[in-house]
N, C-alpha and C. Protein backbone atom coordinates (compact mmCIF):
# COMPACT_ATOMS: atom_id res chain seq x y z
N UNK A 1 175.17 182.52 60.29
CA UNK A 1 175.23 183.74 59.50
C UNK A 1 175.64 183.46 58.06
N UNK A 2 176.63 182.59 57.85
CA UNK A 2 177.11 182.30 56.51
C UNK A 2 176.03 181.69 55.62
N UNK A 3 175.23 180.70 56.11
CA UNK A 3 174.20 180.14 55.24
C UNK A 3 173.18 181.20 54.79
N UNK A 4 172.85 182.12 55.68
CA UNK A 4 171.90 183.18 55.32
C UNK A 4 172.49 184.08 54.25
N UNK A 5 173.73 184.45 54.45
CA UNK A 5 174.40 185.31 53.47
C UNK A 5 174.51 184.61 52.11
N UNK A 6 174.87 183.34 52.12
CA UNK A 6 174.96 182.59 50.87
C UNK A 6 173.61 182.47 50.19
N UNK A 7 172.56 182.28 50.96
CA UNK A 7 171.22 182.15 50.37
C UNK A 7 170.77 183.45 49.71
N UNK A 8 171.36 184.56 50.11
CA UNK A 8 171.04 185.85 49.50
C UNK A 8 171.94 186.10 48.29
N UNK A 9 173.22 185.81 48.45
CA UNK A 9 174.18 186.13 47.40
C UNK A 9 174.12 185.22 46.19
N UNK A 10 173.89 183.93 46.38
CA UNK A 10 173.86 183.01 45.24
C UNK A 10 172.79 183.39 44.23
N UNK A 11 171.53 183.59 44.64
CA UNK A 11 170.53 184.01 43.64
C UNK A 11 170.88 185.36 43.00
N UNK A 12 171.48 186.26 43.77
CA UNK A 12 171.87 187.56 43.24
C UNK A 12 172.85 187.39 42.09
N UNK A 13 173.92 186.58 42.29
CA UNK A 13 174.91 186.39 41.24
C UNK A 13 174.36 185.60 40.06
N UNK A 14 173.48 184.66 40.32
CA UNK A 14 172.85 183.92 39.21
C UNK A 14 172.03 184.87 38.37
N UNK A 15 171.26 185.73 38.99
CA UNK A 15 170.45 186.71 38.25
C UNK A 15 171.32 187.71 37.51
N UNK A 16 172.42 188.11 38.12
CA UNK A 16 173.33 189.03 37.44
C UNK A 16 173.86 188.41 36.17
N UNK A 17 174.27 187.16 36.23
CA UNK A 17 174.79 186.47 35.06
C UNK A 17 173.76 186.36 33.97
N UNK A 18 172.53 186.06 34.33
CA UNK A 18 171.46 185.97 33.34
C UNK A 18 171.18 187.33 32.72
N UNK A 19 171.20 188.36 33.53
CA UNK A 19 170.92 189.70 33.02
C UNK A 19 172.00 190.14 32.06
N UNK A 20 173.24 189.75 32.33
CA UNK A 20 174.33 190.15 31.45
C UNK A 20 174.22 189.46 30.10
N UNK A 21 173.67 188.26 30.07
CA UNK A 21 173.55 187.54 28.81
C UNK A 21 172.23 187.81 28.12
N UNK A 22 171.22 188.13 28.86
CA UNK A 22 169.89 188.31 28.29
C UNK A 22 169.84 189.51 27.36
N UNK A 23 169.52 189.26 26.08
CA UNK A 23 169.36 190.35 25.13
C UNK A 23 170.65 191.00 24.71
N UNK A 24 171.77 190.47 25.13
CA UNK A 24 173.02 191.09 24.73
C UNK A 24 173.91 190.06 24.05
N UNK A 25 174.88 190.55 23.34
CA UNK A 25 175.80 189.68 22.63
C UNK A 25 176.93 189.24 23.53
N UNK A 26 178.03 188.89 22.89
CA UNK A 26 179.19 188.42 23.65
C UNK A 26 180.47 188.95 23.01
N UNK A 27 181.53 188.90 23.80
CA UNK A 27 182.85 189.32 23.32
C UNK A 27 183.82 188.17 23.55
N UNK A 28 184.52 187.79 22.49
CA UNK A 28 185.56 186.76 22.58
C UNK A 28 186.85 187.36 22.05
N UNK A 29 187.88 187.34 22.89
CA UNK A 29 189.18 187.85 22.46
C UNK A 29 189.99 186.67 21.94
N UNK A 30 190.50 186.82 20.72
CA UNK A 30 191.19 185.74 20.03
C UNK A 30 192.64 186.09 19.74
N UNK A 31 193.49 185.08 19.77
CA UNK A 31 194.88 185.23 19.34
C UNK A 31 194.90 185.41 17.82
N UNK A 32 196.02 185.84 17.30
CA UNK A 32 196.14 186.20 15.88
C UNK A 32 195.65 185.10 14.93
N UNK A 33 196.12 183.88 15.10
CA UNK A 33 195.75 182.82 14.15
C UNK A 33 194.25 182.55 14.13
N UNK A 34 193.63 182.53 15.31
CA UNK A 34 192.19 182.31 15.38
C UNK A 34 191.42 183.50 14.80
N UNK A 35 191.91 184.71 15.06
CA UNK A 35 191.28 185.91 14.52
C UNK A 35 191.37 185.90 13.00
N UNK A 36 192.52 185.50 12.47
CA UNK A 36 192.72 185.44 11.01
C UNK A 36 191.71 184.49 10.37
N UNK A 37 191.43 183.38 11.01
CA UNK A 37 190.43 182.44 10.48
C UNK A 37 189.03 183.07 10.48
N UNK A 38 188.72 183.81 11.52
CA UNK A 38 187.41 184.47 11.63
C UNK A 38 187.25 185.51 10.52
N UNK A 39 188.26 186.37 10.35
CA UNK A 39 188.13 187.45 9.37
C UNK A 39 188.26 186.95 7.93
N UNK A 40 188.73 185.73 7.77
CA UNK A 40 188.80 185.16 6.42
C UNK A 40 187.40 184.89 5.87
N UNK A 41 186.42 184.84 6.76
CA UNK A 41 185.03 184.69 6.34
C UNK A 41 184.58 186.05 5.80
N UNK A 42 184.44 186.16 4.51
CA UNK A 42 184.19 187.46 3.87
C UNK A 42 182.90 188.12 4.32
N UNK A 43 181.95 187.35 4.81
CA UNK A 43 180.69 187.96 5.27
C UNK A 43 180.82 188.57 6.67
N UNK A 44 181.97 188.36 7.30
CA UNK A 44 182.21 188.88 8.64
C UNK A 44 182.67 190.34 8.57
N UNK A 45 181.89 191.28 9.08
CA UNK A 45 182.35 192.68 9.10
C UNK A 45 183.60 192.80 9.98
N UNK A 46 184.56 193.58 9.51
CA UNK A 46 185.81 193.81 10.23
C UNK A 46 185.96 195.31 10.45
N UNK A 47 186.05 195.70 11.70
CA UNK A 47 186.12 197.13 12.04
C UNK A 47 187.45 197.43 12.73
N UNK A 48 188.18 198.38 12.15
CA UNK A 48 189.40 198.92 12.74
C UNK A 48 188.95 200.16 13.52
N UNK A 49 189.10 200.15 14.84
CA UNK A 49 188.55 201.23 15.66
C UNK A 49 189.60 202.29 16.01
N UNK A 50 190.72 202.28 15.30
CA UNK A 50 191.75 203.30 15.52
C UNK A 50 191.38 204.61 14.83
N UNK A 51 192.24 205.59 14.98
CA UNK A 51 192.02 206.88 14.33
C UNK A 51 192.21 206.74 12.82
N UNK A 52 191.64 207.64 12.04
CA UNK A 52 191.87 207.60 10.59
C UNK A 52 193.36 207.65 10.21
N UNK A 53 194.15 208.40 10.96
CA UNK A 53 195.59 208.49 10.69
C UNK A 53 196.25 207.12 10.89
N UNK A 54 195.92 206.45 11.99
CA UNK A 54 196.48 205.12 12.26
C UNK A 54 196.04 204.13 11.17
N UNK A 55 194.77 204.21 10.79
CA UNK A 55 194.23 203.34 9.76
C UNK A 55 195.00 203.50 8.45
N UNK A 56 195.29 204.75 8.08
CA UNK A 56 195.99 205.04 6.83
C UNK A 56 197.43 204.51 6.84
N UNK A 57 198.01 204.35 8.01
CA UNK A 57 199.37 203.83 8.13
C UNK A 57 199.45 202.34 7.83
N UNK A 58 198.32 201.66 7.84
CA UNK A 58 198.27 200.23 7.55
C UNK A 58 197.17 199.57 8.35
N UNK A 59 196.41 198.72 7.66
CA UNK A 59 195.28 198.04 8.31
C UNK A 59 195.09 196.66 7.70
N UNK A 60 194.27 195.86 8.34
CA UNK A 60 193.97 194.53 7.82
C UNK A 60 193.07 194.69 6.61
N UNK A 61 193.39 193.97 5.56
CA UNK A 61 192.61 194.06 4.32
C UNK A 61 191.13 193.77 4.58
N UNK A 62 190.28 194.63 4.05
CA UNK A 62 188.84 194.46 4.20
C UNK A 62 188.24 195.20 5.38
N UNK A 63 189.08 195.80 6.20
CA UNK A 63 188.58 196.52 7.38
C UNK A 63 187.98 197.86 7.01
N UNK A 64 186.97 198.26 7.76
CA UNK A 64 186.44 199.61 7.67
C UNK A 64 186.89 200.34 8.93
N UNK A 65 187.10 201.63 8.81
CA UNK A 65 187.61 202.43 9.92
C UNK A 65 186.47 203.19 10.58
N UNK A 66 186.23 202.87 11.85
CA UNK A 66 185.27 203.61 12.66
C UNK A 66 185.96 203.87 13.99
N UNK A 67 186.40 205.09 14.20
CA UNK A 67 187.17 205.48 15.38
C UNK A 67 186.31 205.39 16.64
N UNK A 68 186.70 204.51 17.56
CA UNK A 68 185.93 204.31 18.79
C UNK A 68 185.94 205.56 19.67
N UNK A 69 186.93 206.43 19.50
CA UNK A 69 187.00 207.66 20.30
C UNK A 69 186.14 208.78 19.72
N UNK A 70 185.59 208.58 18.53
CA UNK A 70 184.73 209.60 17.92
C UNK A 70 183.41 209.69 18.70
N UNK A 71 182.89 210.88 18.80
CA UNK A 71 181.66 211.08 19.57
C UNK A 71 180.46 210.34 18.99
N UNK A 72 180.51 210.00 17.71
CA UNK A 72 179.37 209.33 17.07
C UNK A 72 179.62 207.83 16.84
N UNK A 73 180.59 207.24 17.55
CA UNK A 73 180.91 205.83 17.33
C UNK A 73 179.67 204.95 17.51
N UNK A 74 178.97 205.11 18.61
CA UNK A 74 177.80 204.26 18.89
C UNK A 74 176.75 204.37 17.78
N UNK A 75 176.56 205.56 17.26
CA UNK A 75 175.60 205.77 16.15
C UNK A 75 176.08 205.06 14.89
N UNK A 76 177.37 205.16 14.62
CA UNK A 76 177.92 204.58 13.38
C UNK A 76 177.90 203.06 13.36
N UNK A 77 177.94 202.44 14.53
CA UNK A 77 177.95 200.97 14.56
C UNK A 77 176.56 200.39 14.88
N UNK A 78 175.59 201.26 15.02
CA UNK A 78 174.24 200.84 15.39
C UNK A 78 173.63 199.85 14.39
N UNK A 79 174.01 199.93 13.14
CA UNK A 79 173.42 199.06 12.12
C UNK A 79 174.05 197.67 12.09
N UNK A 80 175.15 197.47 12.80
CA UNK A 80 175.80 196.16 12.79
C UNK A 80 174.99 195.17 13.62
N UNK A 81 174.85 193.96 13.07
CA UNK A 81 174.14 192.88 13.74
C UNK A 81 174.91 191.59 13.54
N UNK A 82 174.63 190.62 14.36
CA UNK A 82 175.28 189.32 14.20
C UNK A 82 176.73 189.35 14.61
N UNK A 83 177.57 188.67 13.84
CA UNK A 83 178.99 188.55 14.16
C UNK A 83 179.78 189.70 13.57
N UNK A 84 180.71 190.23 14.39
CA UNK A 84 181.55 191.36 13.99
C UNK A 84 182.95 191.13 14.57
N UNK A 85 183.98 191.48 13.81
CA UNK A 85 185.36 191.40 14.29
C UNK A 85 185.89 192.82 14.44
N UNK A 86 186.64 193.06 15.53
CA UNK A 86 187.20 194.39 15.79
C UNK A 86 188.66 194.29 16.21
N UNK A 87 189.40 195.35 15.91
CA UNK A 87 190.78 195.44 16.39
C UNK A 87 191.19 196.90 16.47
N UNK A 88 192.27 197.13 17.21
CA UNK A 88 192.86 198.46 17.31
C UNK A 88 194.38 198.29 17.29
N UNK A 89 195.10 199.15 17.93
CA UNK A 89 196.56 199.07 17.92
C UNK A 89 197.07 197.96 18.84
N UNK A 90 196.58 197.98 20.09
CA UNK A 90 197.08 197.02 21.07
C UNK A 90 196.03 196.17 21.76
N UNK A 91 194.76 196.47 21.53
CA UNK A 91 193.69 195.66 22.09
C UNK A 91 192.77 196.33 23.08
N UNK A 92 193.17 197.46 23.62
CA UNK A 92 192.36 198.13 24.64
C UNK A 92 191.15 198.85 24.04
N UNK A 93 191.37 199.65 23.02
CA UNK A 93 190.25 200.39 22.41
C UNK A 93 189.25 199.44 21.76
N UNK A 94 189.76 198.38 21.13
CA UNK A 94 188.83 197.45 20.48
C UNK A 94 187.98 196.71 21.51
N UNK A 95 188.51 196.49 22.70
CA UNK A 95 187.71 195.86 23.74
C UNK A 95 186.57 196.79 24.16
N UNK A 96 186.84 198.08 24.23
CA UNK A 96 185.78 199.06 24.53
C UNK A 96 184.71 199.04 23.43
N UNK A 97 185.17 199.02 22.18
CA UNK A 97 184.24 198.97 21.05
C UNK A 97 183.44 197.68 21.07
N UNK A 98 184.11 196.57 21.39
CA UNK A 98 183.45 195.27 21.43
C UNK A 98 182.32 195.26 22.46
N UNK A 99 182.54 195.89 23.59
CA UNK A 99 181.51 195.95 24.63
C UNK A 99 180.30 196.73 24.14
N UNK A 100 180.52 197.80 23.40
CA UNK A 100 179.42 198.59 22.85
C UNK A 100 178.63 197.75 21.86
N UNK A 101 179.33 197.06 20.98
CA UNK A 101 178.67 196.21 19.99
C UNK A 101 177.93 195.05 20.65
N UNK A 102 178.53 194.45 21.66
CA UNK A 102 177.90 193.33 22.36
C UNK A 102 176.63 193.79 23.07
N UNK A 103 176.65 195.01 23.59
CA UNK A 103 175.48 195.54 24.29
C UNK A 103 174.29 195.69 23.35
N UNK A 104 174.56 195.83 22.05
CA UNK A 104 173.46 195.92 21.09
C UNK A 104 173.13 194.57 20.47
N UNK A 105 173.74 193.51 21.01
CA UNK A 105 173.38 192.16 20.60
C UNK A 105 174.34 191.45 19.68
N UNK A 106 175.45 192.07 19.33
CA UNK A 106 176.41 191.45 18.42
C UNK A 106 177.27 190.40 19.13
N UNK A 107 177.72 189.43 18.37
CA UNK A 107 178.74 188.49 18.81
C UNK A 107 180.04 189.06 18.26
N UNK A 108 180.92 189.48 19.16
CA UNK A 108 182.10 190.24 18.75
C UNK A 108 183.38 189.44 18.99
N UNK A 109 184.26 189.47 17.99
CA UNK A 109 185.57 188.84 18.08
C UNK A 109 186.61 189.95 18.11
N UNK A 110 187.39 190.00 19.18
CA UNK A 110 188.37 191.05 19.41
C UNK A 110 189.77 190.46 19.23
N UNK A 111 190.63 191.18 18.51
CA UNK A 111 192.00 190.72 18.27
C UNK A 111 192.88 191.02 19.49
N UNK A 112 193.35 189.96 20.13
CA UNK A 112 194.23 190.09 21.29
C UNK A 112 195.57 190.69 20.84
N UNK A 113 195.94 191.82 21.42
CA UNK A 113 197.20 192.47 21.06
C UNK A 113 197.10 193.40 19.88
N UNK A 114 195.91 193.49 19.27
CA UNK A 114 195.68 194.42 18.18
C UNK A 114 196.55 194.19 16.96
N UNK A 115 196.64 195.24 16.15
CA UNK A 115 197.39 195.12 14.90
C UNK A 115 198.89 194.94 15.15
N UNK A 116 199.35 195.36 16.33
CA UNK A 116 200.76 195.13 16.66
C UNK A 116 201.05 193.63 16.72
N UNK A 117 200.17 192.87 17.34
CA UNK A 117 200.33 191.41 17.41
C UNK A 117 200.18 190.79 16.03
N UNK A 118 199.24 191.33 15.25
CA UNK A 118 199.00 190.85 13.88
C UNK A 118 200.28 190.98 13.05
N UNK A 119 200.89 192.17 13.11
CA UNK A 119 202.11 192.42 12.35
C UNK A 119 203.29 191.60 12.88
N UNK A 120 203.39 191.48 14.18
CA UNK A 120 204.48 190.69 14.79
C UNK A 120 204.39 189.23 14.34
N UNK A 121 203.16 188.74 14.11
CA UNK A 121 202.97 187.36 13.64
C UNK A 121 203.23 187.23 12.14
N UNK A 122 203.57 188.33 11.48
CA UNK A 122 203.89 188.29 10.06
C UNK A 122 202.67 188.35 9.14
N UNK A 123 201.54 188.73 9.70
CA UNK A 123 200.31 188.84 8.89
C UNK A 123 200.35 190.12 8.07
N UNK A 124 199.75 190.09 6.87
CA UNK A 124 199.82 191.27 5.98
C UNK A 124 198.88 192.39 6.38
N UNK A 125 199.28 193.59 6.02
CA UNK A 125 198.42 194.77 6.15
C UNK A 125 198.45 195.51 4.81
N UNK A 126 197.49 196.36 4.61
CA UNK A 126 197.42 197.19 3.40
C UNK A 126 197.33 198.65 3.80
N UNK A 127 197.68 199.51 2.83
CA UNK A 127 197.57 200.96 3.06
C UNK A 127 196.57 201.55 2.13
């Protein structure tokens, strides 16, 4: 029974893995220092997916604010292609945003721990 089950499941999981990568981007969650190196590349779009109020309280220099909870988030990020960096307060919302961007083919870098980790590491923010 086990060999039969394995012969069915192995191709299934292989195909699932290919389907997840085919035509879609990827998401890599990075620690603060690695994320800082990525966003130092000025051609890399940086998206703060928090609310406008949170953004106004302080954000990473060069970031644009596109609230992932807004009903038009997917429309607003539709034009992004290639590599994109995202962050939020603690990392959960940016991971949701990263998945949306990856589904449209972007290679997404997500800040582990969000801006809270960034600030705890002594990295600068602007208002």
